[in-house]
Protein backbone atom coordinates (compact mmCIF):
# COMPACT_ATOMS: atom_id res chain seq x y z
CA MET A 1 145.07 113.29 83.00
CA SER A 2 145.91 111.67 86.34
CA THR A 3 149.39 111.19 87.77
CA LYS A 4 149.07 107.46 87.04
CA ASP A 5 148.20 108.10 83.39
CA LYS A 6 151.07 110.58 83.03
CA LEU A 7 153.57 108.06 84.40
CA ILE A 8 152.26 105.31 82.11
CA GLU A 9 152.51 107.60 79.08
CA ARG A 10 156.02 108.66 80.10
CA PHE A 11 157.03 105.00 80.44
CA LYS A 12 155.58 104.13 77.02
CA ARG A 13 157.83 106.78 75.44
CA GLN A 14 160.80 104.87 76.92
CA PRO A 15 162.71 107.96 78.11
CA LYS A 16 166.44 107.74 78.77
CA ASP A 17 166.01 109.23 82.26
CA PHE A 18 163.34 106.88 83.67
CA THR A 19 164.30 106.01 87.26
CA PHE A 20 163.97 102.87 89.35
CA ASP A 21 161.73 104.80 91.75
CA GLU A 22 159.38 105.56 88.86
CA ALA A 23 159.39 101.86 87.93
CA VAL A 24 158.42 100.97 91.51
CA ARG A 25 155.52 103.44 91.33
CA LEU A 26 154.49 102.08 87.92
CA PHE A 27 154.39 98.49 89.18
CA GLY A 28 152.58 99.72 92.30
CA TYR A 29 149.78 101.15 90.16
CA PHE A 30 149.11 97.61 88.93
CA GLY A 31 149.05 96.09 92.43
CA PHE A 32 152.64 94.86 92.56
CA ASP A 33 154.70 94.95 95.76
CA LEU A 34 158.47 95.31 95.80
CA ASN A 35 160.34 92.56 97.67
CA ASN A 36 163.98 91.78 98.18
CA LYS A 37 164.65 88.19 97.21
CA GLY A 38 166.60 87.55 100.44
CA LYS A 39 169.96 88.22 102.01
CA THR A 40 171.92 86.91 99.05
CA SER A 41 169.85 88.53 96.32
CA GLY A 42 172.31 91.35 95.70
CA SER A 43 170.65 93.90 93.45
CA ARG A 44 167.83 91.54 92.39
CA VAL A 45 164.33 92.59 93.34
CA LEU A 46 160.97 90.90 92.93
CA PHE A 47 157.72 92.59 92.01
CA SER A 48 154.70 90.43 92.79
CA ASN A 49 150.96 90.90 92.89
CA GLY A 50 149.90 87.41 93.92
CA SER A 51 149.53 85.75 90.54
CA LYS A 52 152.22 87.54 88.51
CA HIS A 53 155.92 87.95 89.33
CA TYR A 54 158.68 89.99 87.72
CA ILE A 55 162.35 89.78 88.75
CA MET A 56 164.82 92.47 87.75
CA HIS A 57 168.12 94.00 88.78
CA LYS A 58 168.07 97.30 90.58
CA PRO A 59 170.21 99.80 88.63
CA HIS A 60 173.41 100.94 90.30
CA PRO A 61 175.32 103.04 91.06
CA LYS A 62 172.80 105.47 89.56
CA ASN A 63 169.01 105.21 89.78
CA ILE A 64 168.46 105.47 85.98
CA MET A 65 167.02 102.40 84.27
CA LYS A 66 168.90 100.82 81.37
CA GLU A 67 167.26 100.68 77.95
CA ALA A 68 167.20 96.86 77.89
CA SER A 69 165.48 96.73 81.29
CA MET A 70 162.88 99.22 80.12
CA GLU A 71 162.13 97.11 77.04
CA GLU A 72 161.79 93.94 79.16
CA ILE A 73 159.41 95.68 81.58
CA ARG A 74 157.36 97.03 78.70
CA ALA A 75 157.11 93.54 77.16
CA PHE A 76 156.05 92.06 80.51
CA LEU A 77 153.40 94.71 81.15
CA THR A 78 152.10 94.50 77.58
CA ASP A 79 152.06 90.68 77.44
CA ASN A 80 150.14 90.55 80.72
CA GLU A 81 147.73 93.26 79.52
CA PHE A 82 148.57 95.87 82.17
CA ILE A 83 149.34 98.43 79.44
CA THR A 84 148.71 98.67 75.72
CA LYS A 85 151.34 99.37 73.10
């Protein structure tokens, strides 16, 4: 099993210790780039791959993703057929 497959499987299990850095790598596997939305974006970040866009808040002060954010990412990736349930 490749590193990509391991990360996808880990994400699907929705672990409590999934980090923002792992989310960036996960989106990167599907061709998404991480962009700041501008000077006034605060903690908002944009993942885009040309045709698809996903906006989320960067977790702070810790790097651990919140459960609700994980569920929203999973729904986005599933709805757009990047991953299966």
